[in-house]
Structures are given as C-alpha cells and as structure tokens.
Amino acid sequence: MTSFYDAAISFPTVIYTTLLGVVMVYWLLALVGIVDFESTNLDMDSDLHADAHVDEISDLASYLVALGLNGVPFSVVFTLLTVFAWTTTCLAAMWLLPLVPTTLLRTVAGLGVLVGGLGLALPLTARMIRPMRGLFVTHTAMSNAALVGQSCRVLTSSVDEKFGRAEVATRGAGVNIKVWAETPNSLSKGSTARILEHDAAGERYLIVAEEHIQ
C-alpha cells in the first residue's frame, strides 16, 4: 500500500491535489471578501467578459444542467467536484495502483483512475448540491430599481467599477445585491452607502459613501 502523502503528490492524484490547493486559496480569498464567490454563477450572469463567446457559455451551462450541476455558483460545483475526485483518486492510488505490476501499465491505469475519479465525482456532486439550490434562489427584489435611494452596508473589502457586494436591510432577511462605485472611494467592508442608480443590463447598483451625500 502506498502512503497517503506519496499518493497525494504522485500521478494521477497530484493533478487533483493542485486543483484542491487552488480551491483552498480561492475560498480563503472569498472568506476575507477579496473575491465574490457568487460572481461565477452559471445562471448566465450578465457580467461576462466582453470577449467571451456567448454560445460557448450557453453550451457549457446546458451541459451542467443535463448533469444536474446547475442552481448554485460554479465555484461551489468546482469545489465539490475537486474534493470528490481528489478523494476517490487518492484512495485508488493508495490501494489499487500499487497492485499494477509495471510502470507503463501503472501509468495507463493512472489515466483511468484520473478519468474515473471525475466520473464518480459528477453524480456525487449533483446529489450534494440538490438541497443547496434553495440557498441561491435569486429573488426579484434583488434586481429591480425599487432599491434606488436606500442605504446599504458594504460586504466586500472594497468596491470599484467591476466588483462589490452590499446588503440592504429589509423587514425580513437582508437583500444581498451586486454593487459598483467610482474609484477612488472610501468604501470598505462595513461602510454605509447610498444606492444611486440601477444598472438593469449589469444587474447591479451604483453606490456612493453616505458621507458624500449632500
């Protein structure tokens, strides 16, 4: 039996180990508010780069729907796929690959394990995200002009022309919205701002710090 450490840093597990490291860094950045994990939602979010091919994105979204991987941000899907694929591949590298007699056959078997790990991860991820979809339902109140003029609290570490999230207090749960602001500005996590206008095309709101409101 191969040791856990050796299995994790050797082929084929090392590929998923690298991806797992990327995922961990991503969520650390999301935890401190540097990146917005919901910005990678594959419900055809409109803040796509201008040079992205819409047909290709639509095809990808349709494949994910067919596999049951829709309804949550892609960052969540990618994380679960990576964790499940890494786990199954690492276990196979520890228990099964050492039984293969030659290096050449072990490499071929490793390719099979690499693909098989992803194949097993797909249904496991689809089953895992099924009860999570309700947490990411987009309500109409989050994307209309009715919030213009209201105050909000910044949730991200900064707000600029391309990035920002804020929460608008309501009688029930707060409404989490996508926002932007002209730079330079004094907005940071916890700052109070005023919503000035609604960008229907971008599904976002222009905000300015409360102290700049005359």
C-alpha atoms as a PDB file:
ATOM      1  CA  MET A   1       0.000   0.000   0.000  1.00  0.00           C
ATOM      2  CA  THR A   2       1.283   3.470  -0.932  1.00  0.00           C
ATOM      3  CA  SER A   3       1.377   6.055   1.863  1.00  0.00           C
ATOM      4  CA  PHE A   4      -1.175   8.860   1.872  1.00  0.00           C
ATOM      5  CA  TYR A   5       1.493  11.524   1.266  1.00  0.00           C
ATOM      6  CA  ASP A   6       3.074   9.658  -1.641  1.00  0.00           C
ATOM      7  CA  ALA A   7      -0.325   9.054  -3.216  1.00  0.00           C
ATOM      8  CA  ALA A   8      -1.304  12.713  -2.873  1.00  0.00           C
ATOM      9  CA  ILE A   9       1.803  14.062  -4.628  1.00  0.00           C
ATOM     10  CA  SER A  10       2.173  11.429  -7.325  1.00  0.00           C
ATOM     11  CA  PHE A  11       0.328  10.854 -10.588  1.00  0.00           C
ATOM     12  CA  PRO A  12      -2.611  10.855 -11.030  1.00  0.00           C
ATOM     13  CA  THR A  13      -3.674  12.340  -7.675  1.00  0.00           C
ATOM     14  CA  VAL A  14      -1.228  15.251  -7.938  1.00  0.00           C
ATOM     15  CA  ILE A  15      -3.437  16.850 -10.610  1.00  0.00           C
ATOM     16  CA  TYR A  16      -6.409  16.994  -8.270  1.00  0.00           C
ATOM     17  CA  THR A  17      -4.116  17.920  -5.372  1.00  0.00           C
ATOM     18  CA  THR A  18      -3.056  21.009  -7.334  1.00  0.00           C
ATOM     19  CA  LEU A  19      -6.677  21.891  -8.076  1.00  0.00           C
ATOM     20  CA  LEU A  20      -7.518  21.369  -4.404  1.00  0.00           C
ATOM     21  CA  GLY A  21      -4.814  23.881  -3.489  1.00  0.00           C
ATOM     22  CA  VAL A  22      -6.307  26.393  -5.933  1.00  0.00           C
ATOM     23  CA  VAL A  23      -9.749  25.832  -4.410  1.00  0.00           C
ATOM     24  CA  MET A  24      -8.438  26.415  -0.889  1.00  0.00           C
ATOM     25  CA  VAL A  25      -6.770  29.682  -1.890  1.00  0.00           C
ATOM     26  CA  TYR A  26      -9.954  30.798  -3.669  1.00  0.00           C
ATOM     27  CA  TRP A  27     -12.134  30.212  -0.605  1.00  0.00           C
ATOM     28  CA  LEU A  28      -9.644  31.946   1.670  1.00  0.00           C
ATOM     29  CA  LEU A  29      -9.874  34.999  -0.611  1.00  0.00           C
ATOM     30  CA  ALA A  30     -13.678  34.718  -0.597  1.00  0.00           C
ATOM     31  CA  LEU A  31     -13.654  34.484   3.203  1.00  0.00           C
ATOM     32  CA  VAL A  32     -11.879  37.839   3.549  1.00  0.00           C
ATOM     33  CA  GLY A  33     -14.053  39.423   0.851  1.00  0.00           C
ATOM     34  CA  ILE A  34     -11.435  39.810  -1.897  1.00  0.00           C
ATOM     35  CA  VAL A  35     -13.407  37.698  -4.385  1.00  0.00           C
ATOM     36  CA  ASP A  36     -17.139  37.225  -4.767  1.00  0.00           C
ATOM     37  CA  PHE A  37     -17.966  33.522  -4.960  1.00  0.00           C
ATOM     38  CA  GLU A  38     -21.441  34.217  -6.410  1.00  0.00           C
ATOM     39  CA  SER A  39     -19.942  36.100  -9.374  1.00  0.00           C
ATOM     40  CA  THR A  40     -19.204  32.747 -11.028  1.00  0.00           C
ATOM     41  CA  ASN A  41     -22.809  31.632 -11.066  1.00  0.00           C
ATOM     42  CA  LEU A  42     -23.568  29.826 -14.329  1.00  0.00           C
ATOM     43  CA  ASP A  43     -27.165  31.060 -14.493  1.00  0.00           C
ATOM     44  CA  MET A  44     -25.877  33.194 -17.372  1.00  0.00           C
ATOM     45  CA  ASP A  45     -24.804  36.073 -15.161  1.00  0.00           C
ATOM     46  CA  SER A  46     -24.502  39.203 -17.255  1.00  0.00           C
ATOM     47  CA  ASP A  47     -21.101  40.358 -16.014  1.00  0.00           C
ATOM     48  CA  LEU A  48     -19.390  38.142 -18.588  1.00  0.00           C
ATOM     49  CA  HIS A  49     -16.244  39.467 -20.212  1.00  0.00           C
ATOM     50  CA  ALA A  50     -16.960  41.254 -23.463  1.00  0.00           C
ATOM     51  CA  ASP A  51     -14.702  38.907 -25.420  1.00  0.00           C
ATOM     52  CA  ALA A  52     -16.440  35.720 -24.145  1.00  0.00           C
ATOM     53  CA  HIS A  53     -18.375  33.743 -26.729  1.00  0.00           C
ATOM     54  CA  VAL A  54     -21.978  33.600 -25.530  1.00  0.00           C
ATOM     55  CA  ASP A  55     -22.808  30.439 -27.485  1.00  0.00           C
ATOM     56  CA  GLU A  56     -19.924  28.553 -25.832  1.00  0.00           C
ATOM     57  CA  ILE A  57     -21.013  29.707 -22.366  1.00  0.00           C
ATOM     58  CA  SER A  58     -24.585  28.687 -23.144  1.00  0.00           C
ATOM     59  CA  ASP A  59     -23.423  25.231 -24.234  1.00  0.00           C
ATOM     60  CA  LEU A  60     -21.457  24.820 -21.008  1.00  0.00           C
ATOM     61  CA  ALA A  61     -24.488  25.857 -18.963  1.00  0.00           C
ATOM     62  CA  SER A  62     -26.675  23.360 -20.826  1.00  0.00           C
ATOM     63  CA  TYR A  63     -24.211  20.546 -20.113  1.00  0.00           C
ATOM     64  CA  LEU A  64     -24.205  21.402 -16.413  1.00  0.00           C
ATOM     65  CA  VAL A  65     -27.996  21.423 -16.353  1.00  0.00           C
ATOM     66  CA  ALA A  66     -28.029  17.983 -18.007  1.00  0.00           C
ATOM     67  CA  LEU A  67     -25.628  16.684 -15.362  1.00  0.00           C
ATOM     68  CA  GLY A  68     -27.673  18.207 -12.533  1.00  0.00           C
ATOM     69  CA  LEU A  69     -24.930  20.691 -11.605  1.00  0.00           C
ATOM     70  CA  ASN A  70     -26.984  23.867 -12.005  1.00  0.00           C
ATOM     71  CA  GLY A  71     -28.649  26.149  -9.484  1.00  0.00           C
ATOM     72  CA  VAL A  72     -25.570  27.022  -7.399  1.00  0.00           C
ATOM     73  CA  PRO A  73     -22.476  29.154  -8.132  1.00  0.00           C
ATOM     74  CA  PHE A  74     -19.898  27.403 -10.299  1.00  0.00           C
ATOM     75  CA  SER A  75     -17.325  27.913  -7.537  1.00  0.00           C
ATOM     76  CA  VAL A  76     -19.369  25.563  -5.330  1.00  0.00           C
ATOM     77  CA  VAL A  77     -19.712  22.998  -8.135  1.00  0.00           C
ATOM     78  CA  PHE A  78     -15.991  23.122  -8.930  1.00  0.00           C
ATOM     79  CA  THR A  79     -15.064  22.774  -5.258  1.00  0.00           C
ATOM     80  CA  LEU A  80     -17.228  19.700  -4.718  1.00  0.00           C
ATOM     81  CA  LEU A  81     -16.060  18.101  -7.961  1.00  0.00           C
ATOM     82  CA  THR A  82     -12.439  18.635  -6.947  1.00  0.00           C
ATOM     83  CA  VAL A  83     -12.909  17.280  -3.417  1.00  0.00           C
ATOM     84  CA  PHE A  84     -14.749  14.150  -4.549  1.00  0.00           C
ATOM     85  CA  ALA A  85     -12.395  13.483  -7.483  1.00  0.00           C
ATOM     86  CA  TRP A  86      -9.334  14.007  -5.271  1.00  0.00           C
ATOM     87  CA  THR A  87     -10.668  11.676  -2.576  1.00  0.00           C
ATOM     88  CA  THR A  88     -11.529   8.805  -4.896  1.00  0.00           C
ATOM     89  CA  THR A  89      -8.328   9.187  -6.914  1.00  0.00           C
ATOM     90  CA  CYS A  90      -6.147   9.320  -3.811  1.00  0.00           C
ATOM     91  CA  LEU A  91      -7.747   6.188  -2.377  1.00  0.00           C
ATOM     92  CA  ALA A  92      -7.279   4.366  -5.671  1.00  0.00           C
ATOM     93  CA  ALA A  93      -3.644   5.486  -5.796  1.00  0.00           C
ATOM     94  CA  MET A  94      -3.096   4.132  -2.290  1.00  0.00           C
ATOM     95  CA  TRP A  95      -4.891   0.799  -2.611  1.00  0.00           C
ATOM     96  CA  LEU A  96      -5.222  -0.170  -6.287  1.00  0.00           C
ATOM     97  CA  LEU A  97      -2.357   1.267  -8.350  1.00  0.00           C
ATOM     98  CA  PRO A  98       0.368  -0.428  -6.248  1.00  0.00           C
ATOM     99  CA  LEU A  99      -1.080  -3.749  -7.421  1.00  0.00           C
ATOM    100  CA  VAL A 100      -0.318  -2.932 -11.082  1.00  0.00           C
ATOM    101  CA  PRO A 101       2.983  -4.716 -11.955  1.00  0.00           C
ATOM    102  CA  THR A 102       4.864  -2.390 -14.369  1.00  0.00           C
ATOM    103  CA  THR A 103       5.454   1.345 -14.632  1.00  0.00           C
ATOM    104  CA  LEU A 104       3.886   1.541 -18.103  1.00  0.00           C
ATOM    105  CA  LEU A 105       0.747  -0.284 -17.018  1.00  0.00           C
ATOM    106  CA  ARG A 106       0.625   1.795 -13.852  1.00  0.00           C
ATOM    107  CA  THR A 107       0.661   4.977 -15.956  1.00  0.00           C
ATOM    108  CA  VAL A 108      -2.166   3.703 -18.137  1.00  0.00           C
ATOM    109  CA  ALA A 109      -4.103   2.642 -15.061  1.00  0.00           C
ATOM    110  CA  GLY A 110      -3.419   6.078 -13.563  1.00  0.00           C
ATOM    111  CA  LEU A 111      -5.080   7.739 -16.546  1.00  0.00           C
ATOM    112  CA  GLY A 112      -8.080   5.511 -15.996  1.00  0.00           C
ATOM    113  CA  VAL A 113      -8.189   6.431 -12.331  1.00  0.00           C
ATOM    114  CA  LEU A 114      -7.908  10.133 -13.235  1.00  0.00           C
ATOM    115  CA  VAL A 115     -10.926   9.973 -15.529  1.00  0.00           C
ATOM    116  CA  GLY A 116     -12.795   7.566 -13.268  1.00  0.00           C
ATOM    117  CA  GLY A 117     -12.348   9.872 -10.291  1.00  0.00           C
ATOM    118  CA  LEU A 118     -14.043  12.682 -12.198  1.00  0.00           C
ATOM    119  CA  GLY A 119     -16.753  10.310 -13.382  1.00  0.00           C
ATOM    120  CA  LEU A 120     -17.571   9.312  -9.821  1.00  0.00           C
ATOM    121  CA  ALA A 121     -17.399  12.927  -8.649  1.00  0.00           C
ATOM    122  CA  LEU A 122     -20.114  14.069 -11.082  1.00  0.00           C
ATOM    123  CA  PRO A 123     -23.089  12.159  -9.599  1.00  0.00           C
ATOM    124  CA  LEU A 124     -21.824  12.719  -6.046  1.00  0.00           C
ATOM    125  CA  THR A 125     -21.632  16.471  -6.642  1.00  0.00           C
ATOM    126  CA  ALA A 126     -25.064  16.545  -8.296  1.00  0.00           C
ATOM    127  CA  ARG A 127     -26.558  14.790  -5.272  1.00  0.00           C
ATOM    128  CA  MET A 128     -24.760  17.082  -2.831  1.00  0.00           C
ATOM    129  CA  ILE A 129     -25.867  20.373  -4.423  1.00  0.00           C
ATOM    130  CA  ARG A 130     -29.515  19.330  -4.782  1.00  0.00           C
ATOM    131  CA  PRO A 131     -30.531  20.536  -1.293  1.00  0.00           C
ATOM    132  CA  MET A 132     -28.311  23.622  -1.642  1.00  0.00           C
ATOM    133  CA  ARG A 133     -30.164  25.195  -4.584  1.00  0.00           C
ATOM    134  CA  GLY A 134     -32.693  26.924  -2.356  1.00  0.00           C
ATOM    135  CA  LEU A 135     -29.894  28.937  -0.772  1.00  0.00           C
ATOM    136  CA  PHE A 136     -29.060  30.610  -4.089  1.00  0.00           C
ATOM    137  CA  VAL A 137     -32.513  31.495  -5.407  1.00  0.00           C
ATOM    138  CA  THR A 138     -32.485  34.965  -6.975  1.00  0.00           C
ATOM    139  CA  HIS A 139     -35.484  36.983  -5.859  1.00  0.00           C
ATOM    140  CA  THR A 140     -36.995  39.728  -7.956  1.00  0.00           C
ATOM    141  CA  ALA A 141     -36.428  42.291  -5.217  1.00  0.00           C
ATOM    142  CA  MET A 142     -32.688  41.894  -5.675  1.00  0.00           C
ATOM    143  CA  SER A 143     -32.691  43.069  -9.277  1.00  0.00           C
ATOM    144  CA  ASN A 144     -35.128  45.953  -9.629  1.00  0.00           C
ATOM    145  CA  ALA A 145     -34.929  49.713  -9.325  1.00  0.00           C
ATOM    146  CA  ALA A 146     -37.030  49.799  -6.138  1.00  0.00           C
ATOM    147  CA  LEU A 147     -33.855  49.817  -4.047  1.00  0.00           C
ATOM    148  CA  VAL A 148     -32.576  53.094  -5.547  1.00  0.00           C
ATOM    149  CA  GLY A 149     -32.286  55.740  -2.848  1.00  0.00           C
ATOM    150  CA  GLN A 150     -31.981  53.265   0.017  1.00  0.00           C
ATOM    151  CA  SER A 151     -28.985  52.789   2.276  1.00  0.00           C
ATOM    152  CA  CYS A 152     -26.879  49.640   2.198  1.00  0.00           C
ATOM    153  CA  ARG A 153     -23.944  48.096   4.057  1.00  0.00           C
ATOM    154  CA  VAL A 154     -20.855  47.062   2.083  1.00  0.00           C
ATOM    155  CA  LEU A 155     -19.983  43.366   2.447  1.00  0.00           C
ATOM    156  CA  THR A 156     -16.744  43.194   0.459  1.00  0.00           C
ATOM    157  CA  SER A 157     -13.336  44.561   1.405  1.00  0.00           C
ATOM    158  CA  SER A 158     -13.583  47.173  -1.349  1.00  0.00           C
ATOM    159  CA  VAL A 159     -15.873  48.378  -4.129  1.00  0.00           C
ATOM    160  CA  ASP A 160     -14.785  49.502  -7.581  1.00  0.00           C
ATOM    161  CA  GLU A 161     -16.136  49.673 -11.132  1.00  0.00           C
ATOM    162  CA  LYS A 162     -16.102  45.883 -11.547  1.00  0.00           C
ATOM    163  CA  PHE A 163     -16.555  44.375  -8.101  1.00  0.00           C
ATOM    164  CA  GLY A 164     -18.612  44.777  -4.956  1.00  0.00           C
ATOM    165  CA  ARG A 165     -21.417  43.340  -2.834  1.00  0.00           C
ATOM    166  CA  ALA A 166     -23.681  45.069  -0.327  1.00  0.00           C
ATOM    167  CA  GLU A 167     -26.683  44.268   1.853  1.00  0.00           C
ATOM    168  CA  VAL A 168     -29.886  46.275   2.020  1.00  0.00           C
ATOM    169  CA  ALA A 169     -31.802  45.971   5.271  1.00  0.00           C
ATOM    170  CA  THR A 170     -35.434  44.846   4.919  1.00  0.00           C
ATOM    171  CA  ARG A 171     -38.143  43.818   7.344  1.00  0.00           C
ATOM    172  CA  GLY A 172     -37.112  40.212   6.883  1.00  0.00           C
ATOM    173  CA  ALA A 173     -33.693  38.949   5.830  1.00  0.00           C
ATOM    174  CA  GLY A 174     -31.315  41.467   4.298  1.00  0.00           C
ATOM    175  CA  VAL A 175     -31.114  41.628   0.494  1.00  0.00           C
ATOM    176  CA  ASN A 176     -27.653  40.868  -0.901  1.00  0.00           C
ATOM    177  CA  ILE A 177     -27.008  42.845  -4.106  1.00  0.00           C
ATOM    178  CA  LYS A 178     -24.201  43.380  -6.588  1.00  0.00           C
ATOM    179  CA  VAL A 179     -22.845  46.928  -6.473  1.00  0.00           C
ATOM    180  CA  TRP A 180     -20.170  49.126  -8.030  1.00  0.00           C
ATOM    181  CA  ALA A 181     -18.694  52.547  -7.325  1.00  0.00           C
ATOM    182  CA  GLU A 182     -16.419  55.038  -8.984  1.00  0.00           C
ATOM    183  CA  THR A 183     -12.832  54.989  -7.763  1.00  0.00           C
ATOM    184  CA  PRO A 184     -11.116  56.260  -5.765  1.00  0.00           C
ATOM    185  CA  ASN A 185     -13.562  55.942  -2.882  1.00  0.00           C
ATOM    186  CA  SER A 186     -13.592  55.287   0.857  1.00  0.00           C
ATOM    187  CA  LEU A 187     -15.861  52.247   0.723  1.00  0.00           C
ATOM    188  CA  SER A 188     -14.749  49.154   2.634  1.00  0.00           C
ATOM    189  CA  LYS A 189     -16.353  46.252   4.468  1.00  0.00           C
ATOM    190  CA  GLY A 190     -18.975  47.589   6.890  1.00  0.00           C
ATOM    191  CA  SER A 191     -19.247  51.024   5.252  1.00  0.00           C
ATOM    192  CA  THR A 192     -22.678  52.584   4.843  1.00  0.00           C
ATOM    193  CA  ALA A 193     -23.525  53.727   1.329  1.00  0.00           C
ATOM    194  CA  ARG A 194     -26.455  55.068  -0.659  1.00  0.00           C
ATOM    195  CA  ILE A 195     -27.806  53.402  -3.810  1.00  0.00           C
ATOM    196  CA  LEU A 196     -27.870  55.984  -6.612  1.00  0.00           C
ATOM    197  CA  GLU A 197     -28.994  54.062  -9.679  1.00  0.00           C
ATOM    198  CA  HIS A 198     -29.829  50.632 -11.025  1.00  0.00           C
ATOM    199  CA  ASP A 199     -27.987  49.117 -13.987  1.00  0.00           C
ATOM    200  CA  ALA A 200     -30.568  46.733 -15.472  1.00  0.00           C
ATOM    201  CA  ALA A 201     -28.146  45.334 -18.065  1.00  0.00           C
ATOM    202  CA  GLY A 202     -25.486  44.522 -15.466  1.00  0.00           C
ATOM    203  CA  GLU A 203     -27.922  43.526 -12.681  1.00  0.00           C
ATOM    204  CA  ARG A 204     -26.039  45.824 -10.298  1.00  0.00           C
ATOM    205  CA  TYR A 205     -26.346  49.120  -8.449  1.00  0.00           C
ATOM    206  CA  LEU A 206     -24.212  52.265  -8.351  1.00  0.00           C
ATOM    207  CA  ILE A 207     -23.456  53.287  -4.757  1.00  0.00           C
ATOM    208  CA  VAL A 208     -21.650  56.146  -3.040  1.00  0.00           C
ATOM    209  CA  ALA A 209     -20.457  56.538   0.530  1.00  0.00           C
ATOM    210  CA  GLU A 210     -23.061  58.161   2.807  1.00  0.00           C
ATOM    211  CA  GLU A 211     -20.665  60.928   3.822  1.00  0.00           C
ATOM    212  CA  HIS A 212     -20.566  62.105   0.199  1.00  0.00           C
ATOM    213  CA  ILE A 213     -24.335  62.573   0.031  1.00  0.00           C
ATOM    214  CA  GLN A 214     -25.197  66.233   0.228  1.00  0.00           C
END
